[in-house]
């Protein structure tokens, strides 16, 4: 039986490949029930923007997986807020924190 390949964790110094495809996973809480949210994106930048700006209410344990690494919600938010992020960001009210 072949060994499973482990997805590497991105490091602070490794650049993000915004053009690579990505898969977004999260657990959605709907009252007492929970369901798995999944969506595939053609590029990582769109997936990150969706995770920050449009993720459904009640989503938790957000994970974005690409062929180059896996990002949790904190890493996604940090990359989304960086000057190097290639897409336009939605305007938020002053002091408001995106999800």
C-alpha atoms as a PDB file:
ATOM      1  CA  UNK A   1       0.000   0.000   0.000  1.00  0.00           C
ATOM      2  CA  UNK A   2       1.572   3.348  -1.025  1.00  0.00           C
ATOM      3  CA  UNK A   3       2.199   5.909   1.679  1.00  0.00           C
ATOM      4  CA  UNK A   4      -0.005   8.981   1.638  1.00  0.00           C
ATOM      5  CA  UNK A   5       1.739  12.154   0.612  1.00  0.00           C
ATOM      6  CA  UNK A   6       1.485  14.893   3.188  1.00  0.00           C
ATOM      7  CA  UNK A   7       0.617  18.418   2.095  1.00  0.00           C
ATOM      8  CA  UNK A   8       3.474  20.725   3.098  1.00  0.00           C
ATOM      9  CA  UNK A   9       2.754  23.628   5.417  1.00  0.00           C
ATOM     10  CA  UNK A  10       3.690  26.940   3.769  1.00  0.00           C
ATOM     11  CA  UNK A  11       6.362  28.960   5.503  1.00  0.00           C
ATOM     12  CA  UNK A  12       6.482  32.708   6.112  1.00  0.00           C
ATOM     13  CA  UNK A  13       9.155  33.097   3.437  1.00  0.00           C
ATOM     14  CA  UNK A  14       7.529  30.953   0.746  1.00  0.00           C
ATOM     15  CA  UNK A  15       5.553  32.953  -1.813  1.00  0.00           C
ATOM     16  CA  UNK A  16       1.933  32.063  -2.467  1.00  0.00           C
ATOM     17  CA  UNK A  17       1.102  30.783  -5.948  1.00  0.00           C
ATOM     18  CA  UNK A  18      -2.110  32.754  -6.446  1.00  0.00           C
ATOM     19  CA  UNK A  19      -2.708  31.166  -9.858  1.00  0.00           C
ATOM     20  CA  UNK A  20      -2.827  27.545  -8.677  1.00  0.00           C
ATOM     21  CA  UNK A  21      -6.179  25.851  -8.118  1.00  0.00           C
ATOM     22  CA  UNK A  22      -7.467  25.575  -4.549  1.00  0.00           C
ATOM     23  CA  UNK A  23     -10.053  23.754  -2.474  1.00  0.00           C
ATOM     24  CA  UNK A  24     -11.813  25.403   0.442  1.00  0.00           C
ATOM     25  CA  UNK A  25     -13.198  23.342   3.333  1.00  0.00           C
ATOM     26  CA  UNK A  26     -15.152  24.466   6.384  1.00  0.00           C
ATOM     27  CA  UNK A  27     -17.623  23.171   8.922  1.00  0.00           C
ATOM     28  CA  UNK A  28     -20.942  25.014   8.838  1.00  0.00           C
ATOM     29  CA  UNK A  29     -23.029  25.192  11.964  1.00  0.00           C
ATOM     30  CA  UNK A  30     -26.744  25.382  11.328  1.00  0.00           C
ATOM     31  CA  UNK A  31     -28.363  25.413  14.747  1.00  0.00           C
ATOM     32  CA  UNK A  32     -27.479  22.083  16.328  1.00  0.00           C
ATOM     33  CA  UNK A  33     -26.496  20.501  13.027  1.00  0.00           C
ATOM     34  CA  UNK A  34     -23.131  20.694  11.335  1.00  0.00           C
ATOM     35  CA  UNK A  35     -22.318  20.140   7.701  1.00  0.00           C
ATOM     36  CA  UNK A  36     -19.170  20.189   5.626  1.00  0.00           C
ATOM     37  CA  UNK A  37     -18.741  23.076   3.195  1.00  0.00           C
ATOM     38  CA  UNK A  38     -16.572  22.462   0.133  1.00  0.00           C
ATOM     39  CA  UNK A  39     -15.816  24.562  -2.920  1.00  0.00           C
ATOM     40  CA  UNK A  40     -13.150  24.290  -5.602  1.00  0.00           C
ATOM     41  CA  UNK A  41     -11.623  27.408  -7.161  1.00  0.00           C
ATOM     42  CA  UNK A  42      -9.587  27.888 -10.330  1.00  0.00           C
ATOM     43  CA  UNK A  43      -7.087  30.022  -8.437  1.00  0.00           C
ATOM     44  CA  UNK A  44      -5.924  30.519  -4.878  1.00  0.00           C
ATOM     45  CA  UNK A  45      -6.509  34.280  -4.854  1.00  0.00           C
ATOM     46  CA  UNK A  46     -10.245  33.867  -5.577  1.00  0.00           C
ATOM     47  CA  UNK A  47     -10.515  31.183  -2.894  1.00  0.00           C
ATOM     48  CA  UNK A  48      -8.852  33.410  -0.304  1.00  0.00           C
ATOM     49  CA  UNK A  49     -11.046  36.364  -1.188  1.00  0.00           C
ATOM     50  CA  UNK A  50     -14.157  34.161  -0.907  1.00  0.00           C
ATOM     51  CA  UNK A  51     -13.008  32.813   2.476  1.00  0.00           C
ATOM     52  CA  UNK A  52     -12.598  36.325   3.893  1.00  0.00           C
ATOM     53  CA  UNK A  53     -15.433  38.205   2.176  1.00  0.00           C
ATOM     54  CA  UNK A  54     -18.160  35.702   1.335  1.00  0.00           C
ATOM     55  CA  UNK A  55     -17.870  32.653   3.554  1.00  0.00           C
ATOM     56  CA  UNK A  56     -21.324  31.635   4.803  1.00  0.00           C
ATOM     57  CA  UNK A  57     -22.254  32.663   8.337  1.00  0.00           C
ATOM     58  CA  UNK A  58     -21.534  29.981  10.903  1.00  0.00           C
ATOM     59  CA  UNK A  59     -18.496  28.601   9.089  1.00  0.00           C
ATOM     60  CA  UNK A  60     -15.705  27.337  11.312  1.00  0.00           C
ATOM     61  CA  UNK A  61     -12.443  25.439  10.932  1.00  0.00           C
ATOM     62  CA  UNK A  62     -11.750  26.983   7.532  1.00  0.00           C
ATOM     63  CA  UNK A  63      -8.938  25.306   5.590  1.00  0.00           C
ATOM     64  CA  UNK A  64      -7.686  26.186   2.116  1.00  0.00           C
ATOM     65  CA  UNK A  65      -5.667  23.511   0.372  1.00  0.00           C
ATOM     66  CA  UNK A  66      -3.501  23.954  -2.719  1.00  0.00           C
ATOM     67  CA  UNK A  67      -0.920  21.680  -4.296  1.00  0.00           C
ATOM     68  CA  UNK A  68       1.750  23.777  -2.563  1.00  0.00           C
ATOM     69  CA  UNK A  69       0.352  23.953   0.961  1.00  0.00           C
ATOM     70  CA  UNK A  70      -2.507  24.174   3.419  1.00  0.00           C
ATOM     71  CA  UNK A  71      -3.695  27.432   5.009  1.00  0.00           C
ATOM     72  CA  UNK A  72      -5.884  27.888   8.074  1.00  0.00           C
ATOM     73  CA  UNK A  73      -8.169  30.890   8.647  1.00  0.00           C
ATOM     74  CA  UNK A  74      -5.434  32.953  10.330  1.00  0.00           C
ATOM     75  CA  UNK A  75      -2.992  32.388   7.454  1.00  0.00           C
ATOM     76  CA  UNK A  76      -5.677  33.209   4.878  1.00  0.00           C
ATOM     77  CA  UNK A  77      -6.506  36.480   6.652  1.00  0.00           C
ATOM     78  CA  UNK A  78      -2.818  37.419   6.883  1.00  0.00           C
ATOM     79  CA  UNK A  79      -2.183  36.759   3.189  1.00  0.00           C
ATOM     80  CA  UNK A  80      -5.423  38.527   2.189  1.00  0.00           C
ATOM     81  CA  UNK A  81      -4.303  41.623   4.117  1.00  0.00           C
ATOM     82  CA  UNK A  82      -0.809  41.699   2.589  1.00  0.00           C
ATOM     83  CA  UNK A  83       0.137  44.334   0.022  1.00  0.00           C
ATOM     84  CA  UNK A  84       1.074  41.557  -2.419  1.00  0.00           C
ATOM     85  CA  UNK A  85      -2.480  40.156  -2.578  1.00  0.00           C
ATOM     86  CA  UNK A  86      -3.356  40.439  -6.296  1.00  0.00           C
ATOM     87  CA  UNK A  87      -7.126  41.064  -6.206  1.00  0.00           C
ATOM     88  CA  UNK A  88      -9.143  44.113  -5.246  1.00  0.00           C
ATOM     89  CA  UNK A  89     -10.589  43.898  -1.760  1.00  0.00           C
ATOM     90  CA  UNK A  90     -14.125  44.764  -0.796  1.00  0.00           C
ATOM     91  CA  UNK A  91     -14.364  47.957   1.241  1.00  0.00           C
ATOM     92  CA  UNK A  92     -15.266  47.381   4.879  1.00  0.00           C
ATOM     93  CA  UNK A  93     -16.470  50.000   7.350  1.00  0.00           C
ATOM     94  CA  UNK A  94     -13.664  51.585   9.386  1.00  0.00           C
ATOM     95  CA  UNK A  95     -12.887  49.379  12.360  1.00  0.00           C
ATOM     96  CA  UNK A  96     -14.852  46.460  10.935  1.00  0.00           C
ATOM     97  CA  UNK A  97     -12.998  43.203  10.745  1.00  0.00           C
ATOM     98  CA  UNK A  98     -13.802  40.851   7.859  1.00  0.00           C
ATOM     99  CA  UNK A  99     -14.852  37.321   8.873  1.00  0.00           C
END
